[in-house]
Amino acid sequence: MRACLVLALAAGCAGGNSVRPPPSDPDDQPRSTLAAEDAYKPSYGKAELQKALIAERGAEATAERRVADLEARPADTLIADQLRVATADLGVRRRFIQTLEACDAAGRWCPPRLDDPPWAFDPDPDGPPDPPMTAALRFDHEGWRALAGELHGRACACRTISCVDSVGVAIDQLELRTALAIQDDETATLSVTRARECLFRLRGKAAMRPLPAPVEE
């Protein structure tokens, strides 16, 4: 069953229940290509989305200046490492902005949350043993659903490469602690699938399809 869901949702990053109307109506989009995205209506509206886009574009400009500053410095090992991370972070932020633009223009790829939730998890063996989850580390059906839902939200909200990397590790670690019968829960499987799709897209491993042209009024 999980394999079927993975194939069916390979283009989507979404989840959750509708609380308020989405920024745009996904039913206006082609059903053959947007089936996964159509299933999700975010809880935020246009105003919140526009505010997030303004903030993220400001953060993108700051990140661009950081990269330019590092490129202008004399090269050494430390600067090279900092430049590598800053460049990767800029790429992730730009792809996050692309998802917000797609959400605003066509109701596609809308992340479950627009905030940047605190996330400090070092998957190194010497780091903390458990990911810093808000949901309780319970691995029955209800507990795993809650964890999977939180992982989905955190994955799609990543703005840095360290977040992308460590959330991916957290998903793997928590799945290993969950019995297969519970992993097969449809709700949790959907959340985990969407979380991985977000990480894949933010890492730049999935091409983002061009947005439709704006409709003239």
C-alpha atoms as a PDB file:
ATOM      1  CA  MET A   1       0.000   0.000   0.000  1.00  0.00           C
ATOM      2  CA  ARG A   2       2.842   2.421   0.865  1.00  0.00           C
ATOM      3  CA  ALA A   3       4.482   1.807  -2.491  1.00  0.00           C
ATOM      4  CA  CYS A   4       1.267   2.742  -4.284  1.00  0.00           C
ATOM      5  CA  LEU A   5       1.000   5.949  -2.300  1.00  0.00           C
ATOM      6  CA  VAL A   6       4.611   6.873  -3.058  1.00  0.00           C
ATOM      7  CA  LEU A   7       3.971   6.493  -6.790  1.00  0.00           C
ATOM      8  CA  ALA A   8       0.704   8.350  -6.655  1.00  0.00           C
ATOM      9  CA  LEU A   9       2.185  11.251  -4.729  1.00  0.00           C
ATOM     10  CA  ALA A  10       5.541  11.556  -6.443  1.00  0.00           C
ATOM     11  CA  ALA A  11       4.789  15.134  -7.509  1.00  0.00           C
ATOM     12  CA  GLY A  12       3.229  16.413  -4.331  1.00  0.00           C
ATOM     13  CA  CYS A  13       4.179  18.015  -1.035  1.00  0.00           C
ATOM     14  CA  ALA A  14       1.139  18.520   1.133  1.00  0.00           C
ATOM     15  CA  GLY A  15      -0.986  17.374   3.993  1.00  0.00           C
ATOM     16  CA  GLY A  16      -3.439  18.376   6.688  1.00  0.00           C
ATOM     17  CA  ASN A  17      -7.065  19.353   6.891  1.00  0.00           C
ATOM     18  CA  SER A  18      -8.691  22.432   5.429  1.00  0.00           C
ATOM     19  CA  VAL A  19      -9.333  25.208   7.917  1.00  0.00           C
ATOM     20  CA  ARG A  20      -9.513  28.219   5.600  1.00  0.00           C
ATOM     21  CA  PRO A  21      -9.762  28.558   1.803  1.00  0.00           C
ATOM     22  CA  PRO A  22      -6.467  27.956  -0.040  1.00  0.00           C
ATOM     23  CA  PRO A  23      -4.612  30.805  -1.746  1.00  0.00           C
ATOM     24  CA  SER A  24      -6.084  29.610  -5.039  1.00  0.00           C
ATOM     25  CA  ASP A  25      -8.451  26.880  -6.068  1.00  0.00           C
ATOM     26  CA  PRO A  26      -6.520  23.743  -7.081  1.00  0.00           C
ATOM     27  CA  ASP A  27      -9.610  22.505  -8.921  1.00  0.00           C
ATOM     28  CA  ASP A  28      -8.783  25.037 -11.636  1.00  0.00           C
ATOM     29  CA  GLN A  29      -5.581  23.101 -12.454  1.00  0.00           C
ATOM     30  CA  PRO A  30      -5.209  20.086 -14.802  1.00  0.00           C
ATOM     31  CA  ARG A  31      -6.237  16.984 -12.872  1.00  0.00           C
ATOM     32  CA  SER A  32      -3.852  14.671 -14.724  1.00  0.00           C
ATOM     33  CA  THR A  33      -0.711  16.446 -13.502  1.00  0.00           C
ATOM     34  CA  LEU A  34      -1.774  17.973 -10.208  1.00  0.00           C
ATOM     35  CA  ALA A  35      -3.676  15.142  -8.548  1.00  0.00           C
ATOM     36  CA  ALA A  36      -1.428  15.083  -5.495  1.00  0.00           C
ATOM     37  CA  GLU A  37      -1.379  18.852  -5.039  1.00  0.00           C
ATOM     38  CA  ASP A  38      -5.145  19.069  -5.521  1.00  0.00           C
ATOM     39  CA  ALA A  39      -5.722  16.934  -2.440  1.00  0.00           C
ATOM     40  CA  TYR A  40      -4.349  19.619  -0.125  1.00  0.00           C
ATOM     41  CA  LYS A  41      -5.817  22.950   0.919  1.00  0.00           C
ATOM     42  CA  PRO A  42      -3.540  24.899   3.283  1.00  0.00           C
ATOM     43  CA  SER A  43      -4.866  26.485   6.453  1.00  0.00           C
ATOM     44  CA  TYR A  44      -3.489  29.916   5.555  1.00  0.00           C
ATOM     45  CA  GLY A  45      -4.786  32.407   3.025  1.00  0.00           C
ATOM     46  CA  LYS A  46      -3.425  34.852   0.455  1.00  0.00           C
ATOM     47  CA  ALA A  47      -2.512  37.545   2.967  1.00  0.00           C
ATOM     48  CA  GLU A  48      -0.330  35.236   5.071  1.00  0.00           C
ATOM     49  CA  LEU A  49       1.276  33.799   1.945  1.00  0.00           C
ATOM     50  CA  GLN A  50       2.107  37.239   0.535  1.00  0.00           C
ATOM     51  CA  LYS A  51       3.623  38.296   3.856  1.00  0.00           C
ATOM     52  CA  ALA A  52       5.766  35.132   3.912  1.00  0.00           C
ATOM     53  CA  LEU A  53       6.952  35.761   0.351  1.00  0.00           C
ATOM     54  CA  ILE A  54       8.064  39.303   1.223  1.00  0.00           C
ATOM     55  CA  ALA A  55       9.976  38.049   4.256  1.00  0.00           C
ATOM     56  CA  GLU A  56      11.602  35.196   2.335  1.00  0.00           C
ATOM     57  CA  ARG A  57      12.713  37.440  -0.515  1.00  0.00           C
ATOM     58  CA  GLY A  58      14.346  39.711   2.047  1.00  0.00           C
ATOM     59  CA  ALA A  59      16.115  36.705   3.563  1.00  0.00           C
ATOM     60  CA  GLU A  60      17.188  35.635   0.061  1.00  0.00           C
ATOM     61  CA  ALA A  61      18.790  39.046  -0.541  1.00  0.00           C
ATOM     62  CA  THR A  62      20.671  38.758   2.759  1.00  0.00           C
ATOM     63  CA  ALA A  63      21.874  35.269   1.798  1.00  0.00           C
ATOM     64  CA  GLU A  64      23.028  36.543  -1.601  1.00  0.00           C
ATOM     65  CA  ARG A  65      25.102  39.258   0.080  1.00  0.00           C
ATOM     66  CA  ARG A  66      26.601  36.637   2.388  1.00  0.00           C
ATOM     67  CA  VAL A  67      27.673  34.516  -0.583  1.00  0.00           C
ATOM     68  CA  ALA A  68      29.083  37.523  -2.427  1.00  0.00           C
ATOM     69  CA  ASP A  69      31.029  38.577   0.657  1.00  0.00           C
ATOM     70  CA  LEU A  70      32.557  35.121   1.070  1.00  0.00           C
ATOM     71  CA  GLU A  71      33.430  34.938  -2.632  1.00  0.00           C
ATOM     72  CA  ALA A  72      35.306  38.230  -2.309  1.00  0.00           C
ATOM     73  CA  ARG A  73      37.489  37.054   0.578  1.00  0.00           C
ATOM     74  CA  PRO A  74      40.913  35.445   0.144  1.00  0.00           C
ATOM     75  CA  ALA A  75      40.402  31.731  -0.254  1.00  0.00           C
ATOM     76  CA  ASP A  76      41.328  29.341   2.522  1.00  0.00           C
ATOM     77  CA  THR A  77      39.839  26.139   3.910  1.00  0.00           C
ATOM     78  CA  LEU A  78      37.553  27.883   6.393  1.00  0.00           C
ATOM     79  CA  ILE A  79      36.225  30.370   3.853  1.00  0.00           C
ATOM     80  CA  ALA A  80      35.740  27.583   1.317  1.00  0.00           C
ATOM     81  CA  ASP A  81      33.643  25.598   3.803  1.00  0.00           C
ATOM     82  CA  GLN A  82      31.597  28.653   4.740  1.00  0.00           C
ATOM     83  CA  LEU A  83      31.022  29.481   1.079  1.00  0.00           C
ATOM     84  CA  ARG A  84      29.916  25.925   0.328  1.00  0.00           C
ATOM     85  CA  VAL A  85      27.333  26.000   3.131  1.00  0.00           C
ATOM     86  CA  ALA A  86      26.160  29.533   2.318  1.00  0.00           C
ATOM     87  CA  THR A  87      25.706  28.634  -1.349  1.00  0.00           C
ATOM     88  CA  ALA A  88      23.775  25.485  -0.474  1.00  0.00           C
ATOM     89  CA  ASP A  89      21.600  27.421   1.975  1.00  0.00           C
ATOM     90  CA  LEU A  90      20.858  30.028  -0.678  1.00  0.00           C
ATOM     91  CA  GLY A  91      19.777  27.298  -3.079  1.00  0.00           C
ATOM     92  CA  VAL A  92      17.418  25.765  -0.522  1.00  0.00           C
ATOM     93  CA  ARG A  93      15.911  29.165   0.313  1.00  0.00           C
ATOM     94  CA  ARG A  94      15.368  29.948  -3.363  1.00  0.00           C
ATOM     95  CA  ARG A  95      13.597  26.643  -3.900  1.00  0.00           C
ATOM     96  CA  PHE A  96      11.450  27.281  -0.821  1.00  0.00           C
ATOM     97  CA  ILE A  97      10.487  30.633  -2.341  1.00  0.00           C
ATOM     98  CA  GLN A  98       9.620  28.833  -5.568  1.00  0.00           C
ATOM     99  CA  THR A  99       7.201  26.619  -3.663  1.00  0.00           C
ATOM    100  CA  LEU A 100       5.537  29.686  -2.143  1.00  0.00           C
ATOM    101  CA  GLU A 101       5.271  31.274  -5.591  1.00  0.00           C
ATOM    102  CA  ALA A 102       3.736  28.092  -6.978  1.00  0.00           C
ATOM    103  CA  CYS A 103       1.300  28.002  -4.081  1.00  0.00           C
ATOM    104  CA  ASP A 104       0.361  31.645  -4.644  1.00  0.00           C
ATOM    105  CA  ALA A 105      -0.006  31.342  -8.431  1.00  0.00           C
ATOM    106  CA  ALA A 106      -1.591  27.925  -8.823  1.00  0.00           C
ATOM    107  CA  GLY A 107      -2.309  26.332  -5.454  1.00  0.00           C
ATOM    108  CA  ARG A 108       0.559  23.869  -5.967  1.00  0.00           C
ATOM    109  CA  TRP A 109       3.273  22.632  -3.581  1.00  0.00           C
ATOM    110  CA  CYS A 110       1.813  24.628  -0.678  1.00  0.00           C
ATOM    111  CA  PRO A 111       3.792  23.855   2.491  1.00  0.00           C
ATOM    112  CA  PRO A 112       1.741  22.926   5.568  1.00  0.00           C
ATOM    113  CA  ARG A 113       3.250  25.834   7.516  1.00  0.00           C
ATOM    114  CA  LEU A 114       4.797  29.180   6.644  1.00  0.00           C
ATOM    115  CA  ASP A 115       6.863  29.766   9.793  1.00  0.00           C
ATOM    116  CA  ASP A 116      10.439  28.632  10.297  1.00  0.00           C
ATOM    117  CA  PRO A 117      10.131  26.335  13.328  1.00  0.00           C
ATOM    118  CA  PRO A 118      13.250  25.945  15.495  1.00  0.00           C
ATOM    119  CA  TRP A 119      15.121  22.775  14.565  1.00  0.00           C
ATOM    120  CA  ALA A 120      18.523  21.907  15.988  1.00  0.00           C
ATOM    121  CA  PHE A 121      19.372  18.271  15.406  1.00  0.00           C
ATOM    122  CA  ASP A 122      22.853  16.933  14.794  1.00  0.00           C
ATOM    123  CA  PRO A 123      22.611  13.383  13.426  1.00  0.00           C
ATOM    124  CA  ASP A 124      26.257  12.798  14.361  1.00  0.00           C
ATOM    125  CA  PRO A 125      26.654   9.844  16.774  1.00  0.00           C
ATOM    126  CA  ASP A 126      27.896  12.277  19.422  1.00  0.00           C
ATOM    127  CA  GLY A 127      24.838  14.492  19.029  1.00  0.00           C
ATOM    128  CA  PRO A 128      21.477  14.230  20.840  1.00  0.00           C
ATOM    129  CA  PRO A 129      19.972  10.733  20.584  1.00  0.00           C
ATOM    130  CA  ASP A 130      16.481  11.827  19.552  1.00  0.00           C
ATOM    131  CA  PRO A 131      15.245  14.426  17.057  1.00  0.00           C
ATOM    132  CA  PRO A 132      13.750  17.459  18.853  1.00  0.00           C
ATOM    133  CA  MET A 133      10.128  16.646  18.072  1.00  0.00           C
ATOM    134  CA  THR A 134       7.220  18.552  19.558  1.00  0.00           C
ATOM    135  CA  ALA A 135       5.039  15.454  19.262  1.00  0.00           C
ATOM    136  CA  ALA A 136       5.653  12.765  21.870  1.00  0.00           C
ATOM    137  CA  LEU A 137       7.946   9.939  20.778  1.00  0.00           C
ATOM    138  CA  ARG A 138       5.179   7.336  20.758  1.00  0.00           C
ATOM    139  CA  PHE A 139       5.117   4.617  18.133  1.00  0.00           C
ATOM    140  CA  ASP A 140       1.559   3.344  18.277  1.00  0.00           C
ATOM    141  CA  HIS A 141      -0.798   4.336  15.447  1.00  0.00           C
ATOM    142  CA  GLU A 142      -1.843   7.693  16.884  1.00  0.00           C
ATOM    143  CA  GLY A 143       1.685   8.537  18.019  1.00  0.00           C
ATOM    144  CA  TRP A 144       3.211   7.711  14.637  1.00  0.00           C
ATOM    145  CA  ARG A 145       0.560   9.762  12.837  1.00  0.00           C
ATOM    146  CA  ALA A 146       1.427  12.764  14.995  1.00  0.00           C
ATOM    147  CA  LEU A 147       5.171  12.317  14.423  1.00  0.00           C
ATOM    148  CA  ALA A 148       4.711  11.841  10.675  1.00  0.00           C
ATOM    149  CA  GLY A 149       2.552  14.952  10.457  1.00  0.00           C
ATOM    150  CA  GLU A 150       5.147  17.012  12.290  1.00  0.00           C
ATOM    151  CA  LEU A 151       7.944  15.659  10.083  1.00  0.00           C
ATOM    152  CA  HIS A 152       5.931  16.662   7.018  1.00  0.00           C
ATOM    153  CA  GLY A 153       5.523  20.209   8.302  1.00  0.00           C
ATOM    154  CA  ARG A 154       9.166  20.547   9.304  1.00  0.00           C
ATOM    155  CA  ALA A 155      10.499  19.064   6.053  1.00  0.00           C
ATOM    156  CA  CYS A 156       8.514  21.418   3.850  1.00  0.00           C
ATOM    157  CA  ALA A 157       9.504  24.439   5.999  1.00  0.00           C
ATOM    158  CA  CYS A 158      13.288  23.911   5.664  1.00  0.00           C
ATOM    159  CA  ARG A 159      15.286  26.936   4.541  1.00  0.00           C
ATOM    160  CA  THR A 160      18.822  25.562   5.042  1.00  0.00           C
ATOM    161  CA  ILE A 161      20.721  22.540   3.809  1.00  0.00           C
ATOM    162  CA  SER A 162      21.402  21.397   7.379  1.00  0.00           C
ATOM    163  CA  CYS A 163      17.650  21.323   8.013  1.00  0.00           C
ATOM    164  CA  VAL A 164      17.069  19.323   4.829  1.00  0.00           C
ATOM    165  CA  ASP A 165      19.798  16.839   5.754  1.00  0.00           C
ATOM    166  CA  SER A 166      18.868  16.409   9.408  1.00  0.00           C
ATOM    167  CA  VAL A 167      15.104  16.154   8.897  1.00  0.00           C
ATOM    168  CA  GLY A 168      15.801  13.402   6.370  1.00  0.00           C
ATOM    169  CA  VAL A 169      17.876  11.569   8.973  1.00  0.00           C
ATOM    170  CA  ALA A 170      15.154  12.088  11.585  1.00  0.00           C
ATOM    171  CA  ILE A 171      12.546  10.516   9.288  1.00  0.00           C
ATOM    172  CA  ASP A 172      14.780   7.481   8.752  1.00  0.00           C
ATOM    173  CA  GLN A 173      15.573   7.114  12.446  1.00  0.00           C
ATOM    174  CA  LEU A 174      11.975   7.367  13.622  1.00  0.00           C
ATOM    175  CA  GLU A 175      10.759   4.991  10.930  1.00  0.00           C
ATOM    176  CA  LEU A 176      13.247   2.380  12.115  1.00  0.00           C
ATOM    177  CA  ARG A 177      11.715   2.597  15.586  1.00  0.00           C
ATOM    178  CA  THR A 178       8.198   2.061  14.244  1.00  0.00           C
ATOM    179  CA  ALA A 179       6.726  -1.390  13.650  1.00  0.00           C
ATOM    180  CA  LEU A 180       6.024  -2.153   9.990  1.00  0.00           C
ATOM    181  CA  ALA A 181       2.320  -2.659  10.652  1.00  0.00           C
ATOM    182  CA  ILE A 182       2.123   0.844  12.124  1.00  0.00           C
ATOM    183  CA  GLN A 183       4.292   2.341   9.376  1.00  0.00           C
ATOM    184  CA  ASP A 184       1.676   1.126   6.892  1.00  0.00           C
ATOM    185  CA  ASP A 185      -0.964   3.396   8.398  1.00  0.00           C
ATOM    186  CA  GLU A 186      -2.284   5.343   5.390  1.00  0.00           C
ATOM    187  CA  THR A 187      -2.406   8.734   7.094  1.00  0.00           C
ATOM    188  CA  ALA A 188       1.150   8.474   8.403  1.00  0.00           C
ATOM    189  CA  THR A 189       2.460   7.063   5.125  1.00  0.00           C
ATOM    190  CA  LEU A 190       0.976   9.998   3.248  1.00  0.00           C
ATOM    191  CA  SER A 191       2.678  12.477   5.586  1.00  0.00           C
ATOM    192  CA  VAL A 192       6.069  10.749   5.350  1.00  0.00           C
ATOM    193  CA  THR A 193       5.832  10.537   1.565  1.00  0.00           C
ATOM    194  CA  ARG A 194       5.046  14.220   1.297  1.00  0.00           C
ATOM    195  CA  ALA A 195       7.853  15.079   3.716  1.00  0.00           C
ATOM    196  CA  ARG A 196      10.384  13.212   1.566  1.00  0.00           C
ATOM    197  CA  GLU A 197       9.048  14.850  -1.590  1.00  0.00           C
ATOM    198  CA  CYS A 198       9.591  18.272  -0.010  1.00  0.00           C
ATOM    199  CA  LEU A 199      13.154  17.404   0.985  1.00  0.00           C
ATOM    200  CA  PHE A 200      13.830  16.047  -2.510  1.00  0.00           C
ATOM    201  CA  ARG A 201      12.539  19.254  -4.085  1.00  0.00           C
ATOM    202  CA  LEU A 202      14.339  21.589  -1.673  1.00  0.00           C
ATOM    203  CA  ARG A 203      17.579  19.726  -2.295  1.00  0.00           C
ATOM    204  CA  GLY A 204      17.168  20.488  -6.010  1.00  0.00           C
ATOM    205  CA  LYS A 205      16.755  16.854  -7.016  1.00  0.00           C
ATOM    206  CA  ALA A 206      13.326  17.407  -8.577  1.00  0.00           C
ATOM    207  CA  ALA A 207      12.771  19.844 -11.416  1.00  0.00           C
ATOM    208  CA  MET A 208      10.068  22.366 -10.614  1.00  0.00           C
ATOM    209  CA  ARG A 209       7.632  22.603 -13.501  1.00  0.00           C
ATOM    210  CA  PRO A 210       7.060  26.106 -14.954  1.00  0.00           C
ATOM    211  CA  LEU A 211       4.156  27.977 -13.437  1.00  0.00           C
ATOM    212  CA  PRO A 212       1.141  28.725 -15.623  1.00  0.00           C
ATOM    213  CA  ALA A 213       0.999  32.205 -17.123  1.00  0.00           C
ATOM    214  CA  PRO A 214      -1.059  34.693 -15.086  1.00  0.00           C
ATOM    215  CA  VAL A 215      -4.648  35.050 -16.245  1.00  0.00           C
ATOM    216  CA  GLU A 216      -5.387  38.542 -17.468  1.00  0.00           C
ATOM    217  CA  GLU A 217      -8.469  40.131 -15.941  1.00  0.00           C
END
